[in-house]
Protein backbone atom coordinates (compact mmCIF):
# COMPACT_ATOMS: atom_id res chain seq x y z
CA MET A 1 -0.08 0.54 0.04
CA LYS A 2 1.97 3.97 -1.22
CA ARG A 3 1.53 6.53 1.61
CA LEU A 4 0.60 9.29 0.87
CA LEU A 5 0.65 12.70 2.92
CA LEU A 6 -1.95 15.32 3.37
CA GLY A 7 -1.51 18.76 3.57
CA ILE A 8 -3.47 21.67 4.62
CA ASP A 9 -2.65 25.72 4.36
CA ILE A 10 -5.88 28.49 5.71
CA GLY A 11 -4.39 31.27 3.97
CA THR A 12 -5.68 34.60 4.19
CA SER A 13 -8.13 34.71 0.67
CA SER A 14 -8.17 30.80 0.77
CA CYS A 15 -6.89 27.49 1.82
CA LYS A 16 -4.88 25.10 -0.49
CA VAL A 17 -4.82 21.15 0.22
CA ALA A 18 -2.21 19.11 -1.60
CA VAL A 19 -1.52 15.11 -1.50
CA PHE A 20 1.91 14.04 -1.79
CA GLU A 21 3.66 11.35 -2.67
CA GLU A 22 6.28 10.63 -0.14
CA ASP A 23 9.22 12.02 -2.45
CA GLY A 24 6.96 15.47 -2.35
CA THR A 25 5.32 14.60 -6.03
CA VAL A 26 2.13 16.15 -5.86
CA VAL A 27 -0.64 13.45 -6.84
CA VAL A 28 -3.86 16.28 -6.29
CA GLN A 29 -4.34 19.82 -5.51
CA SER A 30 -7.04 22.10 -4.55
CA SER A 31 -7.84 25.27 -3.90
CA SER A 32 -11.22 27.08 -2.12
CA ASN A 33 -11.92 31.32 -1.44
CA TYR A 34 -13.27 32.21 1.44
CA PRO A 35 -13.57 36.25 2.11
CA LEU A 36 -11.98 39.33 3.69
CA TYR A 37 -14.42 41.45 6.31
CA THR A 38 -13.42 44.80 6.50
CA PRO A 39 -16.57 46.41 8.90
CA GLU A 40 -14.96 49.32 9.75
CA THR A 41 -12.01 51.16 9.10
CA GLY A 42 -8.52 49.21 10.36
CA TRP A 43 -10.66 45.67 10.87
CA VAL A 44 -10.15 42.97 8.64
CA GLU A 45 -11.70 39.59 9.78
CA GLN A 46 -12.40 36.08 8.42
CA GLU A 47 -15.00 34.20 9.62
CA PRO A 48 -13.54 30.20 11.01
CA ASP A 49 -16.33 28.11 9.76
CA GLU A 50 -16.45 29.44 6.76
CA TRP A 51 -11.94 28.24 6.83
CA TRP A 52 -14.15 24.75 7.75
CA GLU A 53 -16.55 24.57 5.08
CA ALA A 54 -12.94 25.78 2.64
CA VAL A 55 -11.33 22.59 3.68
CA CYS A 56 -14.30 20.05 3.30
CA ARG A 57 -14.92 21.21 -0.46
CA SER A 58 -10.75 21.07 -1.08
CA VAL A 59 -10.63 18.14 0.70
CA LYS A 60 -13.41 16.28 -1.14
CA GLU A 61 -11.77 17.53 -4.15
CA CYS A 62 -8.47 15.68 -4.04
CA LEU A 63 -10.44 12.71 -2.97
CA ALA A 64 -12.37 12.51 -6.33
CA ASP A 65 -9.24 12.47 -7.76
CA GLU A 66 -8.75 8.48 -9.34
CA ALA A 67 -4.87 8.98 -7.78
CA VAL A 68 -6.12 9.27 -4.08
CA ASP A 69 -7.43 6.44 -2.20
CA PRO A 70 -8.70 7.78 1.35
CA ALA A 71 -6.56 4.68 3.18
CA ASP A 72 -3.61 5.73 1.61
CA ILE A 73 -3.23 8.98 3.71
CA ALA A 74 -1.04 8.11 6.26
CA ALA A 75 -0.97 11.17 8.22
CA ILE A 76 -2.39 14.97 7.80
CA GLY A 77 -0.79 17.52 8.67
CA LEU A 78 -1.77 21.69 9.15
CA ALA A 79 -0.75 24.99 8.02
CA GLY A 80 -2.03 28.07 8.32
CA GLN A 81 -1.83 32.51 9.36
CA GLY A 82 -0.45 33.75 11.84
CA TRP A 83 -1.92 36.06 14.98
CA SER A 84 -5.22 34.64 15.15
CA VAL A 85 -7.89 35.01 17.95
CA ILE A 86 -10.28 32.44 17.85
CA PRO A 87 -12.92 32.05 20.34
CA VAL A 88 -14.36 28.89 20.91
CA ASP A 89 -16.78 27.44 23.24
CA ARG A 90 -16.47 24.56 25.25
CA ASN A 91 -18.21 22.24 22.57
CA GLY A 92 -15.75 23.77 19.94
CA ARG A 93 -18.71 26.41 17.97
CA VAL A 94 -16.74 30.18 17.22
CA LEU A 95 -18.67 32.40 18.37
CA GLY A 96 -17.09 35.02 16.06
CA ARG A 97 -15.49 36.38 13.51
CA THR A 98 -11.47 36.29 13.89
CA PRO A 99 -9.73 39.33 13.30
CA ILE A 100 -6.65 38.50 10.43
CA TRP A 101 -3.09 39.67 10.18
CA MET A 102 -3.93 42.19 8.87
CA ASP A 103 -5.96 43.51 11.50
CA THR A 104 -5.09 46.52 13.06
CA ARG A 105 -8.16 47.43 15.05
CA ALA A 106 -6.43 47.47 18.84
CA SER A 107 -4.00 49.89 17.88
CA GLU A 108 -5.23 52.20 20.56
CA ILE A 109 -4.90 49.36 23.45
CA VAL A 110 -1.46 49.37 22.57
CA GLY A 111 -0.60 52.41 23.28
CA ARG A 112 -2.28 51.85 26.42
CA LEU A 113 -0.81 48.36 27.14
CA LYS A 114 2.93 50.49 25.98
CA LEU A 115 2.94 52.64 28.79
CA GLU A 116 1.45 49.46 31.23
CA ILE A 117 4.50 47.48 30.31
CA PRO A 118 6.66 49.33 28.09
CA ASP A 119 8.38 47.33 25.07
CA GLU A 120 11.75 45.78 27.12
CA GLU A 121 9.50 44.04 29.31
CA VAL A 122 7.13 42.61 27.25
CA PHE A 123 10.12 41.53 24.64
CA SER A 124 12.38 40.51 27.32
CA VAL A 125 9.57 37.14 27.70
CA SER A 126 8.24 36.86 24.13
CA GLY A 127 11.18 38.27 21.94
CA ASN A 128 8.62 40.00 19.90
CA SER A 129 7.82 44.09 20.80
CA TRP A 130 3.88 45.01 21.39
CA SER A 131 2.50 46.04 17.86
CA PRO A 132 -1.37 45.57 17.05
CA SER A 133 -1.42 42.92 14.67
CA TYR A 134 -0.54 40.34 17.02
CA SER A 135 -2.62 38.07 19.52
CA THR A 136 -2.70 39.60 22.10
CA PRO A 137 -4.52 42.63 21.98
CA LYS A 138 -6.66 41.47 19.56
CA ALA A 139 -7.66 39.34 23.07
CA VAL A 140 -7.46 42.54 25.60
CA TRP A 141 -9.96 43.89 22.66
CA LEU A 142 -12.20 41.07 22.57
CA ARG A 143 -12.19 41.77 26.49
CA GLU A 144 -13.31 45.38 26.60
CA GLU A 145 -15.71 45.68 23.49
CA ARG A 146 -17.19 42.45 23.45
CA PRO A 147 -16.75 41.22 27.29
CA ASP A 148 -19.75 39.36 26.89
CA VAL A 149 -18.20 36.38 23.63
CA PHE A 150 -14.62 37.12 26.26
CA GLU A 151 -16.49 35.29 28.88
CA ARG A 152 -17.71 32.88 27.32
CA THR A 153 -14.47 32.02 25.22
CA HIS A 154 -13.79 28.48 26.48
CA LYS A 155 -10.45 29.05 24.94
CA PHE A 156 -9.01 31.09 21.83
CA LEU A 157 -6.76 29.18 18.85
CA GLN A 158 -5.24 29.63 16.26
CA SER A 159 -6.46 29.21 12.64
CA ASN A 160 -4.53 25.96 12.17
CA GLY A 161 -5.83 24.66 15.58
CA PHE A 162 -9.04 25.42 14.52
CA ILE A 163 -8.68 22.84 11.76
CA GLY A 164 -7.24 20.68 14.56
CA MET A 165 -9.99 20.69 16.57
CA LYS A 166 -12.02 20.06 13.53
CA LEU A 167 -10.63 17.11 12.32
CA THR A 168 -9.98 15.76 15.99
CA GLY A 169 -12.43 17.73 18.76
CA ARG A 170 -9.05 18.25 20.42
CA MET A 171 -7.93 22.03 21.35
CA THR A 172 -4.63 22.68 20.56
CA ALA A 173 -1.91 25.52 20.37
CA ASP A 174 1.79 24.50 18.50
CA ARG A 175 5.41 25.96 19.53
CA SER A 176 5.75 28.20 16.43
CA GLN A 177 2.05 30.13 16.02
CA SER A 178 1.75 30.61 20.13
CA TYR A 179 4.30 33.87 19.81
CA GLY A 180 1.40 35.54 18.58
CA TRP A 181 1.24 36.06 22.43
CA HIS A 182 3.51 38.04 24.47
CA PHE A 183 3.65 36.38 27.51
CA TYR A 184 4.94 33.26 25.38
CA ASN A 185 8.45 32.26 25.35
CA PRO A 186 9.31 31.35 22.17
CA VAL A 187 12.64 29.12 23.52
CA THR A 188 11.25 27.41 26.10
CA PHE A 189 8.11 26.63 24.77
CA ASP A 190 5.77 27.83 27.95
CA TYR A 191 3.57 30.58 28.83
CA ASP A 192 4.80 32.75 31.39
CA ARG A 193 2.04 33.36 33.92
CA ASP A 194 2.82 36.37 35.50
CA MET A 195 3.36 38.32 32.13
CA ALA A 196 -0.20 37.04 31.20
CA ALA A 197 -1.76 38.16 34.79
CA ARG A 198 -0.60 41.59 33.86
CA ILE A 199 -1.53 41.96 30.58
CA GLY A 200 -5.21 40.11 31.36
CA ILE A 201 -5.41 37.08 29.60
CA PRO A 202 -6.91 34.24 32.25
CA MET A 203 -4.54 30.90 31.33
CA GLU A 204 -7.58 28.28 31.12
CA LYS A 205 -8.96 30.14 27.88
CA LEU A 206 -5.39 28.76 26.43
CA PRO A 207 -5.20 25.51 24.78
CA ASP A 208 -2.28 22.92 25.62
CA LEU A 209 0.87 23.44 23.65
CA VAL A 210 2.20 20.56 21.70
CA ALA A 211 5.47 19.99 19.49
CA CYS A 212 4.48 21.34 16.03
CA ASP A 213 5.07 17.38 14.38
CA GLU A 214 3.45 15.68 17.91
CA ILE A 215 -0.03 13.87 16.56
CA ILE A 216 -3.22 15.22 17.90
CA GLY A 217 -5.47 12.79 17.70
CA THR A 218 -7.49 10.99 14.34
CA VAL A 219 -10.21 11.90 12.16
CA THR A 220 -12.82 11.40 14.17
CA GLU A 221 -16.59 9.99 12.37
CA LYS A 222 -17.75 13.68 12.37
CA ALA A 223 -15.12 14.32 10.11
CA ALA A 224 -14.94 11.97 8.08
CA ALA A 225 -18.68 12.07 7.17
CA GLU A 226 -17.37 16.15 6.47
CA THR A 227 -14.75 15.86 4.08
CA GLY A 228 -14.56 12.22 2.65
CA LEU A 229 -11.30 11.38 5.46
CA ARG A 230 -10.95 8.12 6.77
CA GLU A 231 -12.07 7.77 10.24
CA GLY A 232 -9.10 7.33 11.98
CA THR A 233 -6.51 9.09 9.99
CA PRO A 234 -3.99 10.71 12.53
CA VAL A 235 -3.94 14.51 12.53
CA ILE A 236 -0.08 16.36 13.41
CA ALA A 237 -0.39 20.09 14.91
CA GLY A 238 0.97 22.28 12.59
CA GLY A 239 2.28 25.14 11.92
CA LEU A 240 2.48 28.60 11.59
CA ASP A 241 2.15 28.97 7.35
CA ALA A 242 5.86 30.68 7.19
CA ALA A 243 7.39 28.74 8.99
CA CYS A 244 5.66 25.26 7.25
CA GLY A 245 6.72 27.12 4.29
CA THR A 246 10.06 27.47 5.06
CA LEU A 247 9.93 23.55 5.71
CA GLY A 248 8.39 23.01 1.72
CA ALA A 249 11.24 25.37 0.55
CA GLY A 250 14.13 23.28 2.52
CA VAL A 251 14.97 25.76 5.10
CA ILE A 252 16.10 23.79 8.41
CA ARG A 253 19.71 25.32 8.62
CA HIS A 254 21.36 27.41 9.80
CA TYR A 255 21.23 30.80 7.78
CA GLU A 256 19.23 29.02 5.62
CA THR A 257 16.34 31.71 4.63
CA GLN A 258 13.37 31.83 3.19
CA LEU A 259 12.56 34.18 0.85
CA GLN A 260 8.35 34.59 0.59
CA GLY A 261 6.64 35.72 -2.56
CA GLY A 262 2.62 35.41 -1.53
CA GLN A 263 0.72 38.06 -1.18
CA ALA A 264 2.91 39.14 1.58
CA GLY A 265 6.63 39.53 0.96
CA GLY A 266 8.85 38.88 4.11
CA VAL A 267 12.28 36.20 5.03
CA SER A 268 12.49 34.02 7.73
CA ILE A 269 16.18 33.48 8.37
CA CYS A 270 16.50 29.74 10.26
CA LEU A 271 19.05 30.05 13.47
CA ASN A 272 20.50 27.77 15.66
CA GLU A 273 20.57 29.56 18.40
CA PRO A 274 18.04 32.79 19.23
CA LYS A 275 18.75 36.15 17.78
CA THR A 276 15.94 38.56 18.25
CA HIS A 277 14.91 42.44 17.32
CA PRO A 278 12.62 44.68 18.54
CA LYS A 279 11.88 45.30 15.28
CA LEU A 280 11.57 42.13 13.88
CA ILE A 281 9.54 38.90 14.42
CA PHE A 282 10.62 36.26 16.33
CA SER A 283 9.54 32.33 16.78
CA PRO A 284 10.27 28.94 16.65
CA HIS A 285 10.81 27.15 13.66
CA VAL A 286 8.38 24.01 12.69
CA VAL A 287 11.64 21.55 13.09
CA PRO A 288 13.59 21.04 17.02
CA ASP A 289 15.78 23.19 17.65
CA ARG A 290 15.37 25.80 15.05
CA TYR A 291 14.50 29.45 15.28
CA LEU A 292 12.65 31.95 12.40
CA LEU A 293 13.82 35.78 12.90
CA GLN A 294 11.39 36.62 10.34
CA GLY A 295 10.63 40.37 8.72
CA GLY A 296 6.97 40.51 7.40
CA THR A 297 5.71 42.60 4.97
CA VAL A 298 1.86 43.94 4.27
CA GLY A 299 3.42 44.73 0.37
CA GLY A 300 4.18 40.91 -1.33
CA GLY A 301 2.39 39.72 -4.57
CA GLY A 302 -0.56 41.45 -2.82
CA ALA A 303 1.08 44.59 -3.85
CA LEU A 304 1.65 43.88 -7.68
CA ARG A 305 -1.82 41.83 -7.96
CA TRP A 306 -3.45 45.13 -6.25
CA PHE A 307 -1.05 47.23 -9.25
CA ARG A 308 -2.53 44.66 -12.27
CA GLU A 309 -6.57 45.24 -10.60
CA GLU A 310 -6.43 48.41 -11.21
CA PHE A 311 -3.58 49.60 -13.45
CA GLY A 312 -2.70 47.07 -15.14
CA GLU A 313 -5.50 46.85 -18.20
CA ASP A 314 -6.04 43.27 -18.73
CA LEU A 315 -2.61 42.30 -18.28
CA GLY A 316 -1.47 38.99 -16.72
CA PHE A 317 0.90 39.29 -14.12
CA ASP A 318 4.00 37.76 -16.64
CA GLU A 319 3.13 40.87 -19.71
CA LEU A 320 3.54 42.84 -16.22
CA THR A 321 6.82 41.97 -15.51
CA ARG A 322 7.34 41.86 -19.15
CA LEU A 323 7.02 45.11 -19.33
CA ALA A 324 8.75 45.97 -15.92
CA SER A 325 11.28 44.13 -18.01
CA GLU A 326 12.00 47.48 -19.92
CA ALA A 327 12.99 50.13 -17.61
CA PRO A 328 16.29 50.26 -16.33
CA GLU A 329 17.58 48.48 -12.91
CA GLY A 330 16.51 51.65 -10.60
CA SER A 331 12.92 52.48 -12.68
CA GLY A 332 14.58 55.96 -13.32
CA GLY A 333 14.30 57.36 -10.16
CA VAL A 334 10.54 56.19 -9.48
CA VAL A 335 10.39 54.60 -6.06
CA PHE A 336 7.62 53.11 -4.05
CA LEU A 337 6.32 52.54 -0.43
CA PRO A 338 4.09 49.17 -0.88
CA TYR A 339 2.53 50.42 2.31
CA LEU A 340 -0.90 49.17 0.48
CA SER A 341 -2.98 48.75 4.63
CA GLY A 342 -0.19 49.83 6.63
CA GLU A 343 3.09 48.35 7.64
CA ARG A 344 4.25 45.34 9.47
CA SER A 345 8.33 45.22 10.21
CA PRO A 346 9.92 47.13 10.28
CA ILE A 347 8.64 50.14 10.56
CA TRP A 348 4.99 48.54 12.55
CA ASN A 349 3.10 51.56 11.39
CA PRO A 350 -0.92 50.92 11.21
CA ARG A 351 -0.90 54.51 8.92
CA ALA A 352 1.52 54.00 6.71
CA LYS A 353 0.52 54.24 2.98
CA GLY A 354 1.72 53.39 -0.36
CA VAL A 355 3.47 55.94 -2.33
CA PHE A 356 4.88 56.32 -5.63
CA TYR A 357 7.87 58.59 -5.47
CA GLY A 358 9.74 60.83 -8.18
CA LEU A 359 7.05 60.65 -10.83
CA SER A 360 7.75 63.09 -14.00
CA TYR A 361 6.21 63.58 -18.15
CA LYS A 362 8.55 61.03 -18.99
CA GLU A 363 8.53 57.75 -17.06
CA LYS A 364 6.02 55.46 -18.22
CA LYS A 365 4.29 52.55 -17.65
CA ALA A 366 7.25 50.62 -17.38
CA HIS A 367 9.47 52.26 -14.84
CA VAL A 368 5.91 53.07 -12.75
CA THR A 369 5.03 48.68 -12.78
CA ARG A 370 9.25 47.78 -12.37
CA ALA A 371 9.04 50.77 -8.93
CA VAL A 372 6.29 48.49 -7.77
CA LEU A 373 8.79 45.41 -8.28
CA GLU A 374 11.27 47.21 -6.83
CA GLY A 375 9.50 48.31 -3.87
CA VAL A 376 8.53 44.97 -2.38
CA VAL A 377 11.88 43.78 -2.58
CA PHE A 378 13.34 46.85 -1.04
CA SER A 379 10.42 46.46 2.00
CA VAL A 380 12.18 43.18 2.37
CA TYR A 381 16.01 44.33 2.06
CA HIS A 382 14.79 46.90 5.06
CA ASN A 383 13.88 44.04 7.39
CA LEU A 384 17.53 42.08 6.22
CA LEU A 385 19.36 45.51 7.23
CA THR A 386 17.26 45.46 10.72
CA ALA A 387 18.56 41.42 11.35
CA GLU A 388 21.95 42.77 10.50
CA GLU A 389 21.67 44.74 13.44
CA ALA A 390 20.77 41.68 15.37
CA GLY A 391 24.38 40.35 14.51
CA VAL A 392 22.78 38.46 11.31
CA ARG A 393 25.46 38.75 8.50
CA ILE A 394 23.39 39.29 5.68
CA ARG A 395 26.02 38.21 2.39
CA GLU A 396 26.59 34.42 4.71
CA LEU A 397 22.40 33.91 4.11
CA ASP A 398 21.54 30.99 1.77
CA PHE A 399 18.26 32.05 0.57
CA HIS A 400 15.00 29.43 -1.37
CA ALA A 401 12.17 31.62 -2.51
CA MET A 402 8.80 30.31 -2.69
CA GLY A 403 5.11 31.95 -3.54
CA GLY A 404 3.91 33.00 -6.50
CA ALA A 405 6.76 35.81 -7.10
CA ALA A 406 9.21 32.45 -7.15
CA ASN A 407 7.96 32.10 -10.96
CA SER A 408 9.27 34.99 -12.17
CA GLU A 409 12.61 35.16 -12.84
CA LEU A 410 13.39 39.02 -13.09
CA TRP A 411 11.65 40.41 -9.82
CA ILE A 412 13.86 36.88 -7.82
CA GLN A 413 17.03 38.08 -10.23
CA MET A 414 16.42 41.53 -8.41
CA TYR A 415 15.88 40.17 -5.08
CA ALA A 416 19.56 38.28 -6.13
CA ASP A 417 20.80 41.84 -6.75
CA VAL A 418 19.95 44.31 -4.37
CA THR A 419 20.69 41.59 -1.54
CA GLY A 420 24.51 40.53 -3.08
CA CYS A 421 22.79 36.59 -1.96
CA PRO A 422 22.61 33.91 -4.77
CA ILE A 423 18.77 32.48 -4.55
CA LYS A 424 17.78 28.98 -5.37
CA VAL A 425 13.84 28.41 -6.20
CA PRO A 426 12.55 24.91 -5.54
CA GLY A 427 10.37 23.48 -8.35
CA SER A 428 7.09 23.20 -6.54
CA ASP A 429 4.82 25.87 -5.92
CA THR A 430 3.51 24.32 -3.20
CA ALA A 431 5.95 25.57 -0.71
CA THR A 432 3.18 25.57 2.65
CA THR A 433 0.89 22.41 2.00
CA LEU A 434 4.21 20.67 1.87
CA GLY A 435 6.26 22.08 4.72
CA ALA A 436 2.88 20.76 6.62
CA ALA A 437 2.32 17.18 4.79
CA LEU A 438 6.77 16.69 5.75
CA LEU A 439 6.02 17.56 8.89
CA ALA A 440 3.10 14.72 9.37
CA GLY A 441 5.23 12.85 7.82
CA VAL A 442 8.24 13.37 10.41
CA GLY A 443 6.08 13.21 13.39
CA ALA A 444 4.01 9.98 11.68
CA GLY A 445 7.76 8.29 11.49
CA ILE A 446 7.68 8.41 7.37
CA TYR A 447 10.99 10.19 7.50
CA ARG A 448 13.21 9.39 10.05
CA ASP A 449 14.01 12.98 10.47
CA TYR A 450 13.83 16.52 8.90
CA GLU A 451 16.44 16.45 6.47
CA GLU A 452 15.60 13.43 5.52
CA ALA A 453 12.31 15.00 4.63
CA VAL A 454 14.12 17.79 2.14
CA GLU A 455 16.03 15.85 1.08
CA LYS A 456 13.37 13.18 -0.74
CA THR A 457 10.88 16.17 -1.19
CA VAL A 458 12.82 19.49 -2.17
CA ASP A 459 14.48 19.93 -5.53
CA VAL A 460 16.35 23.23 -7.21
CA GLN A 461 15.30 24.26 -10.14
CA ARG A 462 17.04 27.42 -10.46
CA GLU A 463 19.63 29.56 -8.95
CA HIS A 464 20.04 33.69 -9.21
CA THR A 465 23.50 34.71 -9.17
CA PRO A 466 23.58 37.86 -8.63
CA ASP A 467 25.70 40.85 -10.55
CA PRO A 468 27.35 42.92 -8.44
CA GLU A 469 27.26 46.08 -11.63
CA LYS A 470 23.40 45.56 -11.00
CA ARG A 471 23.43 46.04 -7.36
CA LYS A 472 25.13 49.44 -7.55
CA LYS A 473 21.56 51.19 -10.37
CA TYR A 474 19.59 49.63 -7.84
CA GLU A 475 21.47 51.68 -4.57
CA PRO A 476 19.94 55.36 -4.60
CA SER A 477 16.47 54.34 -5.18
CA LEU A 478 17.36 51.49 -1.97
CA ASP A 479 19.07 54.62 -0.63
CA LEU A 480 15.86 57.04 -1.36
CA TYR A 481 13.53 54.49 -0.72
CA LEU A 482 14.87 53.98 3.07
CA ASN A 483 14.65 57.74 2.97
CA LEU A 484 11.31 58.38 2.86
CA SER A 485 10.36 55.54 4.22
CA LYS A 486 11.60 56.84 7.69
CA VAL A 487 11.25 60.93 6.90
CA LEU A 488 7.58 59.63 6.51
CA SER A 489 6.76 57.33 9.28
CA GLU A 490 8.33 60.22 11.34
CA GLY A 491 5.73 63.19 9.83
CA VAL A 492 3.30 61.75 7.52
CA PHE A 493 2.17 58.39 8.89
CA GLN A 494 2.13 59.43 12.60
């Protein structure tokens, strides 16, 4: 009997499900969309039950393929977006929509929390600074603005933890996702009860902490009926989508770095020892004894998608990048700040706005299109410069690109030229679901360890070598980008 692995990823715009063979070959994959809700300025919500409905649809579509027998699925791994606050009652019923990572409704609460518990104190426990995007301020908002929901909440779950509950009936929190709580210590993998008490989050509302590759249970009879999965199939806890994607891109060793090119942009630097910075994101990797120092930007592939939808005149992404290639490095002095929904690291400013700078009558659409691509690259490099302050040596990083942007040779070459580092592109667009599946494979004993899992499944299809001469051409625009970000953050974006 063949052994297949199922990976589920709860993304921002859709659920993705993929079935893999042991060598990482994709047998079948499916996705199902769900909406974002923005009832007020700064609010970005989703319905967890709609995630589950999407999971059920996508799993059923995969199982309808004649190449997949539910009995052959050896284990299921879970990945999901971070910083959710999903309130469920004792029976697992959802008590309200969850604010997602883009939600900044708790900005005023963060201002108050900083006065009550200064950044340096919360940073000493969690390795992360206050930001309205994290889980903690959202839970405080719920306590203050929706006290009836807060009181009725039995547990607060993260996205993959919610799907794990729907599959197995057990409520858990994995080690990689829990860093969204500022009273969670990502080095000792435990909650700091004193800090939780100071913030005002009762410990009894938090689920049990588990390792990312731990089997949390098996598919229940009810879940089997809703999904088509076989009852009794093992389910592994899984982890943060960025961390699962990092694993799926083959990043498991010190200084290997995942370059994220999905809806959001960013980097995840794998470390064998903790290195933190108050302007970056620190979490455990899904791989034991490894940590991730992350930079997460709002404007990744989503910035190009926005530009295409509003100004692309029905051009496809490939056509847009071909158009961008007609402009020179540096876009003729046009600079784009991709802060289309505020910005996360390293400026952490929910009031930040997208900006085009340097336009004149001589610039063409090619210049503006290229500036969008370069602006995303510069925003990621801004995070790398910040990581350098934490002791990371940028030029020694081993980059592995994933996400939709990895399909663009022009875009990835920009990253290589700006960072001065070679960039490998694994052959699969399914890095996050693959990472979830690899967790399942290790947890279920399909792979001996993570080294074997990556060796068997991750193949590099192409590599981009940096061009020092092009780097020089980017420097004026990069310097302008960094100066604009600083000046506007200190003034206009206040």
